[in-house]
Amino acid sequence: MTATDLALPQRTPVRTTGPAPVLDVVVPVHNEETDLEPCVRRLHAHLADHFPYRFQITVADNASTDSTWDIAQRLAAELPGVRAVRLTEKGRGRALHTTWLESDAEVLAYMDVDLSTDLAALSPLVAALISGHSDVAIGSRLARGARVVRGPKRELISRAYNLLLRGTLAATFSDAQCGFKAIRADVARALLPHVADTGWFFDTELLVLAQRAGLRIHEVPVDWVDDPDSRVDLVATALADLRGIARLGRALATGGLPIARLRGQLARGALSADPPDVPRGLLRQLVRFAAVGVVSTLAYLLLFVLLRGSVGAQTANLVALLVTAVANTAANRRLTFGVRGTHGVARHQFQGLLVFGLGLGLTSGALALLHGLTDAGRTAEIVVLVAANLLATVLRFLLLRGWVFRATEPTTPETTR
């Protein structure tokens, strides 16, 4: 049976012809009479010049009390493809929920009115959705390649929040709260009825639900400059986010969300039930790495004992560790991480030798410390080396899995205030 036979049907490209817009960009606003007009004009000019399909810009006014609504109506009357929607209650999540479900566009997006994100990222954001490659797309200020200008306080809060999401909700996406996201309309119609938050936590809840439903989340590194005039109440927002995390975690733990049904309806599925010779997940990799490690450690100790009689302890340690490190990298490459063939062998061995250097530093340092404190015998040396090698083994696995052989890991669905 081939991988194609086992895969679930993939998302088809969206329809780009016909009277309906392909893209609807929502700009949620509350009392933004200063920023609204330059934002919409700049966004409209960018889409007219760079987006090849029909588009729509929706200004979603969240119960503004200044002249924001009047400006929105005037822009809608003047610029083709711009519409204005008035909501009587505040809440970014409420605005997106309402306007996205009402839209007849194939791809739905939103961005903050301050345009902190460079609009050059808009086409890469929606292209993956139009083609059918991905289901949700997010701009990320924490992804590799992003360029960000902001103060240390917001940087710390942003990174802490995303680390908290990883620890509590097992989030795999890198930036939950960047105000620059898009989603396919068919996916939005399935997910939005299950997103309860009406405020800032809306983004996080939608992304966690998409991840749990087995959807592909595409991340675009963005150029982002902090708005010094931001009026977001960081303390109130942080408390609301913590309440949202607790509520969403409870719903996931108690079965309050129909994850299984959504996965059956939307998930892309694995490419193969069990790809031959490729470990499936962390547990299997750990078992195989441990087996290779036991053999390597025994070989290392045997070589050390054999060499120790004719050379010093440090030289015996260096030679024994170097020989077993080369063999260990080769064995883990094939057995633990499923890499076959000669492509990349030299690079993997070079990186493996760098990892070996870490092990050498730990074991040599342990021996030096032992000999500095006491006149140790052969037995004490072996005990210290075993302990140092255990620590080196843990670090070796993390580096091999996360760096040397990272490209061969099973893929997961992709991925501030």
Protein backbone atom coordinates (compact mmCIF):
# COMPACT_ATOMS: atom_id res chain seq x y z
CA MET A 1 0.00 0.00 0.00
CA THR A 2 1.42 3.39 -0.94
CA ALA A 3 1.38 6.62 1.01
CA THR A 4 -1.08 8.01 -1.54
CA ASP A 5 -3.47 5.16 -0.83
CA LEU A 6 -3.43 5.89 2.91
CA ALA A 7 -3.63 9.69 2.82
CA LEU A 8 -6.88 11.49 3.43
CA PRO A 9 -8.13 13.75 0.62
CA GLN A 10 -6.13 16.96 0.50
CA ARG A 11 -7.52 20.48 0.33
CA THR A 12 -8.19 21.58 -3.26
CA PRO A 13 -7.17 25.04 -4.50
CA VAL A 14 -9.76 27.71 -3.85
CA ARG A 15 -11.90 29.05 -6.68
CA THR A 16 -10.31 32.22 -8.08
CA THR A 17 -12.90 33.04 -10.76
CA GLY A 18 -16.44 34.30 -10.40
CA PRO A 19 -18.09 37.33 -8.85
CA ALA A 20 -17.17 36.60 -5.22
CA PRO A 21 -13.89 37.94 -3.81
CA VAL A 22 -11.06 35.48 -3.31
CA LEU A 23 -9.75 37.36 -0.26
CA ASP A 24 -11.52 39.34 2.45
CA VAL A 25 -9.20 41.26 4.80
CA VAL A 26 -10.95 42.35 7.99
CA VAL A 27 -9.64 45.33 9.96
CA PRO A 28 -11.22 45.31 13.45
CA VAL A 29 -11.31 48.80 15.00
CA HIS A 30 -12.48 50.50 18.17
CA ASN A 31 -12.05 54.26 18.40
CA GLU A 32 -9.38 54.39 15.69
CA GLU A 33 -10.34 57.66 13.99
CA THR A 34 -6.66 58.61 13.55
CA ASP A 35 -5.25 55.38 12.09
CA LEU A 36 -8.23 54.00 10.16
CA GLU A 37 -8.12 56.02 6.95
CA PRO A 38 -4.35 55.78 6.25
CA CYS A 39 -4.49 52.05 7.05
CA VAL A 40 -7.34 51.30 4.66
CA ARG A 41 -5.95 53.45 1.85
CA ARG A 42 -2.52 51.86 2.13
CA LEU A 43 -3.95 48.35 2.30
CA HIS A 44 -6.28 49.00 -0.66
CA ALA A 45 -3.40 50.35 -2.78
CA HIS A 46 -1.22 47.37 -1.89
CA LEU A 47 -3.89 44.82 -2.81
CA ALA A 48 -4.75 46.64 -6.04
CA ASP A 49 -1.09 46.61 -7.08
CA HIS A 50 0.01 43.16 -5.85
CA PHE A 51 -2.98 40.83 -5.41
CA PRO A 52 -4.03 39.26 -8.74
CA TYR A 53 -7.59 38.26 -7.75
CA ARG A 54 -10.75 39.96 -6.56
CA PHE A 55 -10.45 41.22 -2.99
CA GLN A 56 -12.52 42.89 -0.31
CA ILE A 57 -11.57 44.98 2.73
CA THR A 58 -14.00 44.89 5.65
CA VAL A 59 -13.78 47.53 8.35
CA ALA A 60 -15.36 45.99 11.46
CA ASP A 61 -16.23 48.80 13.87
CA ASN A 62 -16.54 47.47 17.42
CA ALA A 63 -18.88 49.96 19.09
CA SER A 64 -16.66 53.01 18.55
CA THR A 65 -17.72 56.21 20.28
CA ASP A 66 -15.59 58.62 18.19
CA SER A 67 -15.78 59.31 14.44
CA THR A 68 -14.43 55.88 13.43
CA TRP A 69 -17.77 54.70 12.04
CA ASP A 70 -18.24 57.85 9.94
CA ILE A 71 -14.76 57.40 8.44
CA ALA A 72 -15.45 53.74 7.73
CA GLN A 73 -18.68 54.57 5.88
CA ARG A 74 -16.95 57.26 3.83
CA LEU A 75 -14.14 54.89 2.82
CA ALA A 76 -16.66 52.22 1.86
CA ALA A 77 -18.48 54.69 -0.36
CA GLU A 78 -15.27 55.94 -1.99
CA LEU A 79 -13.06 52.87 -2.49
CA PRO A 80 -14.24 49.89 -4.55
CA GLY A 81 -14.13 46.62 -2.64
CA VAL A 82 -14.31 48.26 0.81
CA ARG A 83 -17.28 47.62 3.09
CA ALA A 84 -18.05 48.75 6.64
CA VAL A 85 -19.76 46.65 9.32
CA ARG A 86 -21.01 48.10 12.61
CA LEU A 87 -21.10 45.99 15.79
CA THR A 88 -22.78 47.20 18.95
CA GLU A 89 -20.38 45.36 21.28
CA LYS A 90 -16.61 45.46 21.68
CA GLY A 91 -14.27 42.54 21.08
CA ARG A 92 -11.84 41.63 18.32
CA GLY A 93 -12.90 37.99 18.46
CA ARG A 94 -16.55 38.97 18.16
CA ALA A 95 -15.78 41.16 15.14
CA LEU A 96 -13.85 38.42 13.35
CA HIS A 97 -16.41 35.74 14.16
CA THR A 98 -19.22 37.90 12.76
CA THR A 99 -17.52 39.23 9.62
CA TRP A 100 -15.81 35.99 8.65
CA LEU A 101 -19.02 33.96 8.81
CA GLU A 102 -20.87 36.63 6.80
CA SER A 103 -18.21 36.88 4.09
CA ASP A 104 -18.55 35.13 0.72
CA ALA A 105 -14.76 35.18 0.09
CA GLU A 106 -12.76 31.96 -0.22
CA VAL A 107 -9.93 33.13 2.05
CA LEU A 108 -10.48 35.22 5.18
CA ALA A 109 -7.78 37.33 6.81
CA TYR A 110 -7.37 40.07 9.37
CA MET A 111 -4.74 42.58 10.38
CA ASP A 112 -4.36 45.23 13.04
CA VAL A 113 -5.17 48.79 12.06
CA ASP A 114 -1.74 50.09 13.10
CA LEU A 115 -0.14 48.09 10.24
CA SER A 116 2.77 47.06 12.45
CA THR A 117 3.29 44.13 10.08
CA ASP A 118 4.86 44.88 6.70
CA LEU A 119 2.26 44.26 3.99
CA ALA A 120 4.86 42.44 1.87
CA ALA A 121 4.03 39.37 4.00
CA LEU A 122 0.36 39.37 2.92
CA SER A 123 0.83 37.49 -0.35
CA PRO A 124 2.94 34.70 1.24
CA LEU A 125 0.34 34.52 4.01
CA VAL A 126 -2.60 33.77 1.73
CA ALA A 127 -0.82 31.93 -1.11
CA ALA A 128 -0.54 28.71 0.90
CA LEU A 129 -4.30 28.79 1.53
CA ILE A 130 -5.28 29.59 -2.04
CA SER A 131 -3.18 26.70 -3.35
CA GLY A 132 -4.64 24.21 -0.87
CA HIS A 133 -1.27 23.58 0.78
CA SER A 134 -2.39 24.86 4.20
CA ASP A 135 -5.59 25.55 6.14
CA VAL A 136 -4.59 28.40 8.47
CA ALA A 137 -1.76 30.90 8.06
CA ILE A 138 -0.20 33.13 10.70
CA GLY A 139 2.35 35.88 10.68
CA SER A 140 5.07 35.12 13.23
CA ARG A 141 7.43 37.50 14.97
CA LEU A 142 9.22 34.56 16.62
CA ALA A 143 9.89 32.41 13.55
CA ARG A 144 13.34 32.25 12.00
CA GLY A 145 13.71 35.06 9.47
CA ALA A 146 11.35 37.48 11.23
CA ARG A 147 12.63 41.01 11.84
CA VAL A 148 11.10 42.73 14.85
CA VAL A 149 11.51 46.13 16.48
CA ARG A 150 9.93 46.39 19.92
CA GLY A 151 10.80 47.05 23.54
CA PRO A 152 12.13 44.42 25.96
CA LYS A 153 8.93 44.34 28.03
CA ARG A 154 6.72 43.34 25.10
CA GLU A 155 9.37 40.92 23.84
CA LEU A 156 9.50 39.18 27.21
CA ILE A 157 5.72 39.03 27.54
CA SER A 158 5.34 37.65 24.03
CA ARG A 159 7.90 34.88 24.48
CA ALA A 160 6.61 33.99 27.93
CA TYR A 161 3.05 33.72 26.65
CA ASN A 162 3.99 31.45 23.77
CA LEU A 163 6.11 29.27 26.07
CA LEU A 164 3.12 29.05 28.39
CA LEU A 165 0.95 27.86 25.51
CA ARG A 166 3.48 25.16 24.67
CA GLY A 167 3.57 23.96 28.25
CA THR A 168 -0.16 24.05 28.99
CA LEU A 169 -1.91 23.43 25.66
CA ALA A 170 0.94 21.69 23.76
CA ALA A 171 0.87 24.40 21.09
CA THR A 172 3.24 23.84 18.17
CA PHE A 173 2.83 27.24 16.48
CA SER A 174 5.36 29.93 17.40
CA ASP A 175 3.35 33.15 17.71
CA ALA A 176 -0.27 33.10 18.83
CA GLN A 177 -1.04 36.78 19.04
CA CYS A 178 0.49 38.49 16.01
CA GLY A 179 -2.36 40.50 14.44
CA PHE A 180 -1.83 39.08 10.97
CA LYS A 181 -3.65 35.83 10.17
CA ALA A 182 -5.69 34.09 7.46
CA ILE A 183 -7.89 31.03 7.19
CA ARG A 184 -9.71 29.20 4.42
CA ALA A 185 -13.43 29.97 4.52
CA ASP A 186 -14.45 26.29 4.47
CA VAL A 187 -12.22 25.62 7.47
CA ALA A 188 -13.48 28.74 9.28
CA ARG A 189 -17.09 27.61 8.91
CA ALA A 190 -16.22 24.33 10.62
CA LEU A 191 -14.12 25.79 13.45
CA LEU A 192 -15.70 29.13 14.38
CA PRO A 193 -18.86 27.69 15.98
CA HIS A 194 -16.57 26.07 18.58
CA VAL A 195 -14.48 29.19 19.36
CA ALA A 196 -15.99 30.83 22.43
CA ASP A 197 -13.75 33.82 23.14
CA THR A 198 -14.84 37.22 21.85
CA GLY A 199 -11.70 39.17 22.77
CA TRP A 200 -7.93 38.86 22.38
CA PHE A 201 -7.80 35.14 23.23
CA PHE A 202 -9.83 34.39 20.07
CA ASP A 203 -6.63 33.92 18.05
CA THR A 204 -5.13 31.42 20.47
CA GLU A 205 -8.33 29.43 20.82
CA LEU A 206 -8.76 29.20 17.04
CA LEU A 207 -5.17 28.06 16.51
CA VAL A 208 -5.26 25.43 19.27
CA LEU A 209 -8.52 24.08 17.86
CA ALA A 210 -7.04 24.00 14.34
CA GLN A 211 -3.95 22.17 15.58
CA ARG A 212 -5.99 19.60 17.53
CA ALA A 213 -8.19 19.06 14.48
CA GLY A 214 -5.15 18.00 12.47
CA LEU A 215 -4.98 21.05 10.21
CA ARG A 216 -1.82 22.47 8.68
CA ILE A 217 -0.83 25.85 10.12
CA HIS A 218 1.49 27.80 7.83
CA GLU A 219 3.84 30.32 9.48
CA VAL A 220 5.20 33.37 7.69
CA PRO A 221 8.11 35.27 9.30
CA VAL A 222 7.21 38.94 9.25
CA ASP A 223 8.85 42.33 9.53
CA TRP A 224 7.12 43.96 12.48
CA VAL A 225 7.59 47.35 14.17
CA ASP A 226 5.93 47.92 17.53
CA ASP A 227 3.29 50.65 17.68
CA PRO A 228 4.40 52.99 20.49
CA ASP A 229 0.84 54.34 20.74
CA SER A 230 -0.72 50.92 21.42
CA ARG A 231 -3.59 51.17 23.89
CA VAL A 232 -3.75 47.49 24.75
CA ASP A 233 -4.06 47.00 28.52
CA LEU A 234 -1.33 44.40 29.01
CA VAL A 235 -2.35 43.42 32.55
CA ALA A 236 -6.04 43.00 31.77
CA THR A 237 -5.26 41.18 28.55
CA ALA A 238 -2.79 38.84 30.28
CA LEU A 239 -5.37 37.94 32.93
CA ALA A 240 -7.99 37.32 30.25
CA ASP A 241 -5.52 35.08 28.40
CA LEU A 242 -4.83 33.06 31.55
CA ARG A 243 -8.55 32.56 32.08
CA GLY A 244 -8.86 31.54 28.44
CA ILE A 245 -6.05 29.00 28.76
CA ALA A 246 -7.71 27.49 31.84
CA ARG A 247 -11.11 27.32 30.16
CA LEU A 248 -9.78 25.86 26.92
CA GLY A 249 -7.58 23.34 28.76
CA ARG A 250 -10.58 22.21 30.81
CA ALA A 251 -12.71 21.83 27.68
CA LEU A 252 -10.03 19.75 25.98
CA ALA A 253 -9.51 17.57 29.06
CA THR A 254 -13.21 16.91 29.66
CA GLY A 255 -14.22 16.37 26.05
CA GLY A 256 -16.15 19.60 25.86
CA LEU A 257 -14.93 20.17 22.30
CA PRO A 258 -15.71 17.77 19.42
CA ILE A 259 -12.06 17.21 18.50
CA ALA A 260 -12.58 13.68 17.17
CA ARG A 261 -15.40 14.79 14.90
CA LEU A 262 -13.40 17.77 13.63
CA ARG A 263 -10.39 15.55 12.95
CA GLY A 264 -12.57 13.16 11.01
CA GLN A 265 -14.02 16.04 9.02
CA LEU A 266 -10.93 18.18 8.45
CA ALA A 267 -7.65 16.40 9.29
CA ARG A 268 -5.21 15.81 6.48
CA GLY A 269 -3.97 12.55 7.99
CA ALA A 270 -0.58 10.89 7.91
CA LEU A 271 1.16 10.15 4.64
CA SER A 272 1.61 6.52 5.64
CA ALA A 273 0.35 4.19 8.34
CA ASP A 274 3.90 3.10 9.18
CA PRO A 275 6.68 4.28 6.86
CA PRO A 276 9.32 1.54 6.59
CA ASP A 277 12.59 2.10 8.43
CA VAL A 278 11.51 5.50 9.77
CA PRO A 279 10.88 5.79 13.53
CA ARG A 280 7.38 7.03 14.32
CA GLY A 281 7.67 9.51 17.13
CA LEU A 282 9.68 10.15 20.21
CA LEU A 283 9.08 6.87 22.08
CA ARG A 284 10.45 4.65 19.33
CA GLN A 285 13.44 6.94 18.84
CA LEU A 286 14.19 6.81 22.55
CA VAL A 287 14.10 3.01 22.60
CA ARG A 288 16.43 2.68 19.63
CA PHE A 289 18.74 5.42 20.87
CA ALA A 290 18.97 3.70 24.25
CA ALA A 291 19.87 0.38 22.62
CA VAL A 292 22.58 2.03 20.53
CA GLY A 293 23.75 3.90 23.63
CA VAL A 294 24.15 0.74 25.73
CA VAL A 295 26.30 -0.89 23.07
CA SER A 296 28.33 2.31 22.57
CA THR A 297 28.92 2.73 26.30
CA LEU A 298 30.11 -0.86 26.71
CA ALA A 299 32.44 -0.47 23.72
CA TYR A 300 33.70 2.85 25.13
CA LEU A 301 34.45 1.36 28.56
CA LEU A 302 36.16 -1.67 27.01
CA LEU A 303 38.40 0.54 24.85
CA PHE A 304 39.16 2.80 27.80
CA VAL A 305 40.24 -0.12 29.98
CA LEU A 306 42.37 -1.63 27.18
CA LEU A 307 44.10 1.67 26.41
CA ARG A 308 44.48 2.83 30.03
CA GLY A 309 47.26 0.36 30.69
CA SER A 310 49.56 1.92 28.08
CA VAL A 311 48.50 5.60 27.99
CA GLY A 312 47.17 8.12 30.46
CA ALA A 313 43.53 8.38 31.49
CA GLN A 314 42.83 11.51 29.41
CA THR A 315 44.36 10.02 26.24
CA ALA A 316 42.51 6.73 26.72
CA ASN A 317 39.28 8.66 27.24
CA LEU A 318 39.85 10.75 24.08
CA VAL A 319 40.56 7.78 21.78
CA ALA A 320 37.79 5.57 23.18
CA LEU A 321 35.22 8.36 22.97
CA LEU A 322 36.24 9.40 19.44
CA VAL A 323 36.00 5.86 18.03
CA THR A 324 32.66 5.10 19.65
CA ALA A 325 31.28 8.56 18.76
CA VAL A 326 31.79 7.94 15.03
CA ALA A 327 30.17 4.51 15.32
CA ASN A 328 27.37 5.91 17.50
CA THR A 329 26.50 8.63 14.98
CA ALA A 330 26.43 6.13 12.12
CA ALA A 331 24.23 3.70 14.06
CA ASN A 332 21.78 6.38 15.21
CA ARG A 333 21.64 7.83 11.72
CA ARG A 334 20.39 4.54 10.32
CA LEU A 335 18.55 2.86 13.17
CA THR A 336 17.15 5.68 15.34
CA PHE A 337 16.41 8.43 12.82
CA GLY A 338 15.88 6.32 9.70
CA VAL A 339 18.38 8.07 7.42
CA ARG A 340 19.62 5.85 4.58
CA GLY A 341 22.04 6.38 1.72
CA THR A 342 25.21 8.45 1.48
CA HIS A 343 23.63 11.88 1.09
CA GLY A 344 24.60 14.08 4.04
CA VAL A 345 26.90 11.49 5.65
CA ALA A 346 29.86 13.88 5.93
CA ARG A 347 27.72 16.67 7.38
CA HIS A 348 26.09 14.32 9.89
CA GLN A 349 29.47 12.95 11.00
CA PHE A 350 30.87 16.46 11.34
CA GLN A 351 27.93 17.55 13.46
CA GLY A 352 28.21 14.29 15.38
CA LEU A 353 31.84 15.14 16.16
CA LEU A 354 30.73 18.51 17.52
CA VAL A 355 28.33 16.65 19.78
CA PHE A 356 31.24 14.34 20.63
CA GLY A 357 33.16 17.42 21.72
CA LEU A 358 30.47 18.10 24.30
CA GLY A 359 30.79 14.55 25.64
CA LEU A 360 34.57 14.84 25.69
CA GLY A 361 34.33 18.06 27.67
CA LEU A 362 32.03 16.48 30.24
CA THR A 363 34.03 13.29 30.70
CA SER A 364 37.44 14.97 30.63
CA GLY A 365 36.25 17.60 33.05
CA ALA A 366 34.89 14.91 35.36
CA LEU A 367 38.22 13.04 35.27
CA ALA A 368 40.20 16.24 35.91
CA LEU A 369 37.95 17.12 38.85
CA LEU A 370 38.28 13.61 40.27
CA HIS A 371 42.09 13.62 40.03
CA GLY A 372 42.23 17.12 41.45
CA LEU A 373 40.28 16.13 44.54
CA THR A 374 41.71 12.70 45.27
CA ASP A 375 44.23 10.07 44.24
CA ALA A 376 41.58 7.97 42.49
CA GLY A 377 42.01 4.40 41.32
CA ARG A 378 40.73 2.67 38.19
CA THR A 379 37.33 1.79 39.72
CA ALA A 380 36.63 5.38 40.74
CA GLU A 381 37.56 6.58 37.26
CA ILE A 382 35.08 4.18 35.65
CA VAL A 383 32.28 5.19 38.05
CA VAL A 384 32.84 8.89 37.33
CA LEU A 385 33.02 8.27 33.57
CA VAL A 386 29.74 6.31 33.59
CA ALA A 387 27.99 9.16 35.44
CA ALA A 388 29.42 11.79 33.07
CA ASN A 389 28.45 9.69 30.07
CA LEU A 390 24.86 9.42 31.28
CA LEU A 391 24.58 13.21 31.25
CA ALA A 392 26.37 13.37 27.90
CA THR A 393 23.98 10.75 26.50
CA VAL A 394 20.89 12.83 27.37
CA LEU A 395 22.39 15.90 25.74
CA ARG A 396 23.51 13.84 22.73
CA PHE A 397 19.98 12.58 22.10
CA LEU A 398 18.52 16.09 22.30
CA LEU A 399 21.15 17.46 19.89
CA LEU A 400 20.89 14.55 17.44
CA ARG A 401 17.09 14.76 17.37
CA GLY A 402 16.76 18.54 17.37
CA TRP A 403 19.78 19.50 15.26
CA VAL A 404 21.76 16.81 13.42
CA PHE A 405 18.81 14.75 12.14
CA ARG A 406 16.04 17.31 12.58
CA ALA A 407 14.88 17.14 8.94
CA THR A 408 14.05 13.44 9.27
CA GLU A 409 11.63 13.82 12.16
CA PRO A 410 7.93 13.08 11.55
CA THR A 411 6.24 16.34 10.64
CA THR A 412 3.55 17.95 12.73
CA PRO A 413 0.98 20.59 11.72
CA GLU A 414 2.76 23.87 11.07
CA THR A 415 3.31 27.34 13.09
CA THR A 416 2.13 38.97 20.58
CA ARG A 417 1.17 41.27 21.70
